[in-house]
N, C-alpha and C. Protein backbone atom coordinates (compact mmCIF):
# COMPACT_ATOMS: atom_id res chain seq x y z
N MET A 1 -78.16 -50.38 50.55
CA MET A 1 -77.25 -51.18 51.32
C MET A 1 -77.26 -52.61 50.80
N LEU A 2 -76.15 -53.27 50.97
CA LEU A 2 -76.03 -54.66 50.56
C LEU A 2 -76.65 -55.56 51.61
N PRO A 3 -77.38 -56.56 51.16
CA PRO A 3 -77.94 -57.49 52.14
C PRO A 3 -76.83 -58.35 52.74
N SER A 4 -76.94 -58.64 54.01
CA SER A 4 -75.93 -59.46 54.65
C SER A 4 -76.16 -60.92 54.29
N THR A 5 -75.08 -61.59 54.01
CA THR A 5 -75.14 -62.99 53.65
C THR A 5 -74.87 -63.82 54.89
N PRO A 6 -75.80 -64.65 55.29
CA PRO A 6 -75.55 -65.47 56.48
C PRO A 6 -74.48 -66.51 56.20
N GLY A 7 -73.63 -66.75 57.17
CA GLY A 7 -72.58 -67.75 57.03
C GLY A 7 -71.31 -67.20 56.43
N ARG A 8 -71.30 -65.96 56.10
CA ARG A 8 -70.11 -65.38 55.49
C ARG A 8 -69.12 -64.99 56.57
N GLY A 9 -67.88 -65.42 56.44
CA GLY A 9 -66.87 -65.11 57.43
C GLY A 9 -66.96 -65.98 58.66
N ASP A 10 -67.54 -67.17 58.53
CA ASP A 10 -67.68 -68.06 59.67
C ASP A 10 -66.46 -68.95 59.88
N LEU A 11 -65.41 -68.79 59.08
CA LEU A 11 -64.21 -69.60 59.26
C LEU A 11 -63.45 -69.14 60.50
N ASP A 12 -63.04 -70.12 61.28
CA ASP A 12 -62.23 -69.80 62.45
C ASP A 12 -60.78 -69.60 62.03
N VAL A 13 -60.02 -68.99 62.91
CA VAL A 13 -58.60 -68.76 62.64
C VAL A 13 -57.86 -70.08 62.52
N GLU A 14 -58.24 -71.06 63.32
CA GLU A 14 -57.59 -72.37 63.26
C GLU A 14 -57.81 -73.04 61.91
N ASP A 15 -59.01 -72.88 61.36
CA ASP A 15 -59.29 -73.46 60.05
C ASP A 15 -58.46 -72.80 58.96
N LEU A 16 -58.32 -71.49 59.03
CA LEU A 16 -57.50 -70.78 58.05
C LEU A 16 -56.04 -71.19 58.16
N LEU A 17 -55.57 -71.37 59.39
CA LEU A 17 -54.18 -71.80 59.58
C LEU A 17 -53.96 -73.21 59.06
N LYS A 18 -54.95 -74.08 59.20
CA LYS A 18 -54.85 -75.43 58.66
C LYS A 18 -54.78 -75.40 57.13
N ILE A 19 -55.59 -74.56 56.51
CA ILE A 19 -55.57 -74.44 55.05
C ILE A 19 -54.22 -73.93 54.57
N ILE A 20 -53.69 -72.91 55.26
CA ILE A 20 -52.38 -72.37 54.88
C ILE A 20 -51.29 -73.41 55.09
N LEU A 21 -51.37 -74.17 56.18
CA LEU A 21 -50.38 -75.22 56.43
C LEU A 21 -50.41 -76.29 55.35
N VAL A 22 -51.59 -76.70 54.93
CA VAL A 22 -51.71 -77.70 53.86
C VAL A 22 -51.13 -77.16 52.56
N LEU A 23 -51.41 -75.89 52.24
CA LEU A 23 -50.88 -75.30 51.01
C LEU A 23 -49.36 -75.22 51.04
N VAL A 24 -48.79 -74.89 52.20
CA VAL A 24 -47.33 -74.81 52.32
C VAL A 24 -46.72 -76.20 52.17
N VAL A 25 -47.34 -77.22 52.76
CA VAL A 25 -46.83 -78.59 52.62
C VAL A 25 -46.89 -79.04 51.17
N ILE A 26 -47.96 -78.73 50.48
CA ILE A 26 -48.07 -79.08 49.06
C ILE A 26 -47.00 -78.36 48.24
N TYR A 27 -46.75 -77.10 48.55
CA TYR A 27 -45.72 -76.33 47.84
C TYR A 27 -44.34 -76.95 48.05
N ILE A 28 -44.04 -77.32 49.29
CA ILE A 28 -42.74 -77.91 49.59
C ILE A 28 -42.60 -79.26 48.89
N ALA A 29 -43.66 -80.06 48.88
CA ALA A 29 -43.61 -81.37 48.23
C ALA A 29 -43.38 -81.23 46.73
N ILE A 30 -44.05 -80.28 46.10
CA ILE A 30 -43.86 -80.06 44.66
C ILE A 30 -42.46 -79.56 44.38
N ASN A 31 -41.94 -78.70 45.23
CA ASN A 31 -40.59 -78.17 45.06
C ASN A 31 -39.57 -79.30 45.17
N ILE A 32 -39.72 -80.18 46.15
CA ILE A 32 -38.80 -81.31 46.32
C ILE A 32 -38.92 -82.26 45.12
N ALA A 33 -40.13 -82.49 44.63
CA ALA A 33 -40.31 -83.38 43.47
C ALA A 33 -39.60 -82.82 42.24
N PHE A 34 -39.70 -81.51 42.01
CA PHE A 34 -39.01 -80.91 40.87
C PHE A 34 -37.49 -80.97 41.04
N ASP A 35 -37.00 -80.83 42.28
CA ASP A 35 -35.56 -80.95 42.52
C ASP A 35 -35.08 -82.36 42.22
N VAL A 36 -35.84 -83.37 42.63
CA VAL A 36 -35.45 -84.76 42.37
C VAL A 36 -35.48 -85.04 40.88
N ILE A 37 -36.51 -84.58 40.19
CA ILE A 37 -36.59 -84.79 38.74
C ILE A 37 -35.44 -84.09 38.03
N GLY A 38 -35.13 -82.88 38.46
CA GLY A 38 -34.00 -82.16 37.86
C GLY A 38 -32.67 -82.83 38.13
N PHE A 39 -32.51 -83.43 39.32
CA PHE A 39 -31.27 -84.12 39.65
C PHE A 39 -31.12 -85.40 38.83
N VAL A 40 -32.22 -86.12 38.63
CA VAL A 40 -32.16 -87.38 37.91
C VAL A 40 -31.97 -87.15 36.42
N PHE A 41 -32.74 -86.22 35.85
CA PHE A 41 -32.71 -86.02 34.41
C PHE A 41 -31.81 -84.88 33.98
N GLY A 42 -31.16 -84.20 34.90
CA GLY A 42 -30.27 -83.09 34.56
C GLY A 42 -29.13 -83.48 33.64
N PRO A 43 -28.37 -84.53 33.99
CA PRO A 43 -27.27 -84.93 33.10
C PRO A 43 -27.74 -85.44 31.75
N LEU A 44 -28.96 -85.93 31.66
CA LEU A 44 -29.46 -86.46 30.39
C LEU A 44 -29.89 -85.36 29.42
N SER A 45 -30.08 -84.14 29.91
CA SER A 45 -30.57 -83.09 29.03
C SER A 45 -29.57 -82.76 27.93
N ASN A 46 -28.27 -82.78 28.24
CA ASN A 46 -27.26 -82.51 27.22
C ASN A 46 -27.22 -83.62 26.18
N ILE A 47 -27.39 -84.86 26.62
CA ILE A 47 -27.38 -85.99 25.70
C ILE A 47 -28.59 -85.95 24.78
N VAL A 48 -29.73 -85.61 25.32
CA VAL A 48 -30.95 -85.51 24.50
C VAL A 48 -30.79 -84.41 23.46
N GLY A 49 -30.24 -83.28 23.86
CA GLY A 49 -30.00 -82.19 22.91
C GLY A 49 -29.04 -82.61 21.80
N LEU A 50 -28.00 -83.33 22.17
CA LEU A 50 -27.04 -83.81 21.18
C LEU A 50 -27.69 -84.79 20.22
N ILE A 51 -28.53 -85.67 20.71
CA ILE A 51 -29.23 -86.63 19.85
C ILE A 51 -30.15 -85.91 18.88
N ILE A 52 -30.83 -84.87 19.34
CA ILE A 52 -31.71 -84.11 18.45
C ILE A 52 -30.91 -83.44 17.35
N VAL A 53 -29.78 -82.84 17.69
CA VAL A 53 -28.93 -82.19 16.68
C VAL A 53 -28.42 -83.21 15.67
N VAL A 54 -27.99 -84.37 16.15
CA VAL A 54 -27.48 -85.41 15.25
C VAL A 54 -28.59 -85.89 14.31
N LEU A 55 -29.80 -86.06 14.82
CA LEU A 55 -30.90 -86.49 13.96
C LEU A 55 -31.24 -85.44 12.91
N ILE A 56 -31.19 -84.17 13.26
CA ILE A 56 -31.48 -83.10 12.28
C ILE A 56 -30.41 -83.08 11.20
N VAL A 57 -29.15 -83.17 11.59
CA VAL A 57 -28.05 -83.18 10.61
C VAL A 57 -28.16 -84.41 9.73
N ALA A 58 -28.45 -85.57 10.32
CA ALA A 58 -28.59 -86.79 9.52
C ALA A 58 -29.75 -86.67 8.54
N TYR A 59 -30.83 -86.00 8.94
CA TYR A 59 -31.95 -85.80 8.04
C TYR A 59 -31.55 -84.90 6.86
N PHE A 60 -30.81 -83.81 7.17
CA PHE A 60 -30.39 -82.91 6.10
C PHE A 60 -29.41 -83.57 5.15
N LEU A 61 -28.60 -84.51 5.64
CA LEU A 61 -27.63 -85.19 4.80
C LEU A 61 -28.19 -86.47 4.17
N ASP A 62 -29.49 -86.68 4.32
CA ASP A 62 -30.23 -87.82 3.73
C ASP A 62 -29.74 -89.17 4.23
N TYR A 63 -29.33 -89.21 5.48
CA TYR A 63 -29.01 -90.50 6.10
C TYR A 63 -30.24 -91.13 6.73
N ILE A 64 -31.30 -90.36 6.87
CA ILE A 64 -32.55 -90.88 7.45
C ILE A 64 -33.58 -90.94 6.33
């Protein structure tokens, strides 16, 4: 038989609910942060891609 470990399973239901609540709040905060970052930098992604293509073409044509 396995020896019983004292203190194992001593968490109350309220403590578990607090941990779950904190994790859900952290998840929502991270989700909102990614939405804000995507909203701010979303229109710039096409411009950055275009700049990269222009730099590659300029390199191949020996303008750089």
